[in-house]
Protein backbone atom coordinates (compact mmCIF):
# COMPACT_ATOMS: atom_id res chain seq x y z
CA MET A 1 2.70 0.70 10.70
CA ALA A 2 6.13 0.64 12.30
CA GLY A 3 8.63 -2.13 11.81
CA CYS A 4 8.46 -5.03 9.40
CA GLY A 5 5.27 -6.07 7.76
CA ARG A 6 3.59 -6.98 4.53
CA ILE A 7 1.49 -4.47 2.64
CA HIS A 8 -1.07 -5.48 0.05
CA PRO A 9 -0.86 -2.56 -2.40
CA PHE A 10 -3.99 -1.53 -4.26
CA ARG A 11 -2.55 1.50 -6.07
CA LEU A 12 0.70 3.44 -6.44
CA CYS A 13 0.03 7.18 -6.72
CA LEU A 14 2.11 10.29 -7.31
CA ILE A 15 0.69 13.10 -5.17
CA LYS A 16 2.40 16.50 -5.01
CA ASN A 17 5.76 15.08 -6.15
CA ALA A 18 5.71 12.22 -3.62
CA TRP A 19 4.94 8.53 -4.22
CA TYR A 20 2.32 6.81 -2.05
CA ILE A 21 1.05 3.24 -1.78
CA ILE A 22 -2.66 2.84 -1.08
CA GLY A 23 -3.40 -0.54 0.47
CA ARG A 24 -3.69 -2.56 3.65
CA THR A 25 -1.49 -4.67 5.87
CA SER A 26 -1.76 -8.44 6.17
CA ASP A 27 -3.36 -8.20 9.60
CA SER A 28 -5.94 -5.49 8.85
CA THR A 29 -8.80 -4.73 6.49
CA GLU A 30 -8.39 -0.96 6.94
CA VAL A 31 -7.18 0.81 3.78
CA ARG A 32 -4.30 3.17 4.53
CA THR A 33 -1.88 5.47 2.72
CA TYR A 34 1.88 4.84 2.99
CA ARG A 35 4.51 7.32 1.80
CA VAL A 36 7.12 5.35 -0.14
CA ALA A 37 10.00 7.64 0.93
CA ARG A 38 9.47 6.57 4.55
CA PHE A 39 10.29 2.93 3.85
CA LYS A 40 13.85 1.82 4.62
CA THR A 41 13.60 -1.20 2.33
CA LEU A 42 11.05 -2.61 -0.09
CA ARG A 43 10.86 -6.05 -1.60
CA MET A 44 8.46 -7.18 -4.29
CA LEU A 45 6.98 -10.62 -3.70
CA ASP A 46 5.81 -13.17 -6.25
CA GLN A 47 2.22 -13.16 -4.97
CA PRO A 48 -0.10 -10.61 -6.58
CA ALA A 49 -2.06 -8.27 -4.33
CA ILE A 50 -5.78 -8.88 -4.37
CA VAL A 51 -7.64 -5.61 -4.76
CA PRO A 52 -11.20 -5.77 -3.42
CA ALA A 53 -13.85 -5.45 -6.12
CA ASN A 54 -15.48 -2.56 -4.25
CA PHE A 55 -12.23 -0.57 -3.85
CA ASP A 56 -12.60 2.97 -5.22
CA LEU A 57 -9.62 5.31 -5.06
CA LYS A 58 -11.92 8.32 -5.30
CA GLY A 59 -14.32 6.96 -2.72
């Protein structure tokens, strides 16, 4: 995803010395991986992310 957008994070993971967010964007149901170091800015919102009941990080 390029530009501004809202990500619904499901997990924050440290993989090989790099932080990643696993989640989806507001306009998609596809689960994606986002490398935190690639973000120019981050802002935490007051709304909690809703993680689907069937989400499995290993899956």
